[in-house]
Amino acid sequence: MQREVVLEQVRLALIELFELDGDAVTETAHLYQDLELDSIDAVDLVVRLQKLTGKKMRPEEFKSVRTVGDVVDAVLPLLADA
């Protein structure tokens, strides 16, 4: 799957889940500082991404994720295995 498609799916998930302004959800936006997400929000995002990918993801795998782009980078390998 192309990176742009995954990025758009992640953006839409963030906007829907957390009622964020779409203009704020960019690839370089920091999840915690810019989008004001917390650790519970990160778990909710992981659950949503599991539904989108059909792959099991552990929340602890996302500890190094800082930006929306990092989320995309974490999801892409899961889709490559599909």
Protein backbone atom coordinates (compact mmCIF):
# COMPACT_ATOMS: atom_id res chain seq x y z
CA MET A 1 0.00 0.00 0.00
CA GLN A 2 1.27 3.44 -0.82
CA ARG A 3 2.50 5.72 1.91
CA GLU A 4 0.08 8.48 0.87
CA VAL A 5 -2.91 6.14 1.28
CA VAL A 6 -1.76 5.03 4.72
CA LEU A 7 -1.10 8.64 5.73
CA GLU A 8 -4.63 9.63 4.71
CA GLN A 9 -6.13 6.71 6.66
CA VAL A 10 -4.12 7.65 9.76
CA ARG A 11 -5.13 11.31 9.36
CA LEU A 12 -8.80 10.38 9.07
CA ALA A 13 -8.57 8.11 12.11
CA LEU A 14 -6.97 10.87 14.19
CA ILE A 15 -9.54 13.43 13.08
CA GLU A 16 -12.46 11.13 13.77
CA LEU A 17 -11.23 9.66 17.05
CA PHE A 18 -10.02 12.84 18.67
CA GLU A 19 -12.06 15.52 16.87
CA LEU A 20 -8.90 17.22 15.63
CA ASP A 21 -8.70 20.01 13.09
CA GLY A 22 -7.75 18.35 9.80
CA ASP A 23 -5.26 21.12 9.00
CA ALA A 24 -3.36 20.32 12.21
CA VAL A 25 -2.93 16.62 11.35
CA THR A 26 0.14 16.72 9.12
CA GLU A 27 2.86 14.13 8.66
CA THR A 28 5.25 16.17 10.80
CA ALA A 29 2.74 16.94 13.59
CA HIS A 30 3.85 15.63 16.97
CA LEU A 31 1.17 13.47 18.55
CA TYR A 32 1.72 14.64 22.10
CA GLN A 33 2.83 18.26 21.71
CA ASP A 34 1.01 19.44 18.58
CA LEU A 35 -2.10 17.25 18.69
CA GLU A 36 -2.25 17.05 22.50
CA LEU A 37 -2.80 13.29 22.61
CA ASP A 38 -1.98 11.30 25.73
CA SER A 39 -1.05 7.67 26.34
CA ILE A 40 -4.71 6.57 26.51
CA ASP A 41 -5.31 8.26 23.15
CA ALA A 42 -2.31 6.37 21.73
CA VAL A 43 -3.89 3.07 22.81
CA ASP A 44 -7.16 4.10 21.15
CA LEU A 45 -5.24 4.89 17.98
CA VAL A 46 -3.52 1.48 18.05
CA VAL A 47 -6.92 -0.23 18.39
CA ARG A 48 -8.26 1.74 15.40
CA LEU A 49 -5.19 0.89 13.31
CA GLN A 50 -5.59 -2.79 14.18
CA LYS A 51 -9.10 -2.64 12.77
CA LEU A 52 -7.87 -0.90 9.62
CA THR A 53 -4.96 -3.27 9.00
CA GLY A 54 -6.39 -6.50 10.36
CA LYS A 55 -3.04 -6.99 12.11
CA LYS A 56 -2.33 -7.25 15.83
CA MET A 57 -0.26 -4.37 17.16
CA ARG A 58 1.06 -4.00 20.67
CA PRO A 59 0.80 -0.52 22.20
CA GLU A 60 4.37 -0.78 23.50
CA GLU A 61 5.58 -0.93 19.87
CA PHE A 62 4.40 2.66 19.59
CA LYS A 63 6.55 4.03 22.42
CA SER A 64 9.05 5.48 19.93
CA VAL A 65 6.32 6.98 17.76
CA ARG A 66 6.33 10.76 18.02
CA THR A 67 4.80 12.13 14.81
CA VAL A 68 1.98 11.24 12.46
CA GLY A 69 4.69 10.18 9.99
CA ASP A 70 6.10 7.80 12.60
CA VAL A 71 2.66 6.18 12.88
CA VAL A 72 2.61 5.69 9.11
CA ASP A 73 6.10 4.17 9.25
CA ALA A 74 4.91 1.74 11.93
CA VAL A 75 1.84 0.70 9.94
CA LEU A 76 3.47 0.24 6.51
CA PRO A 77 5.44 -2.94 7.42
CA LEU A 78 2.27 -4.52 8.76
CA LEU A 79 0.56 -3.99 5.43
CA ALA A 80 3.56 -5.31 3.52
CA ASP A 81 3.17 -8.62 5.35
CA ALA A 82 -0.44 -8.89 4.22
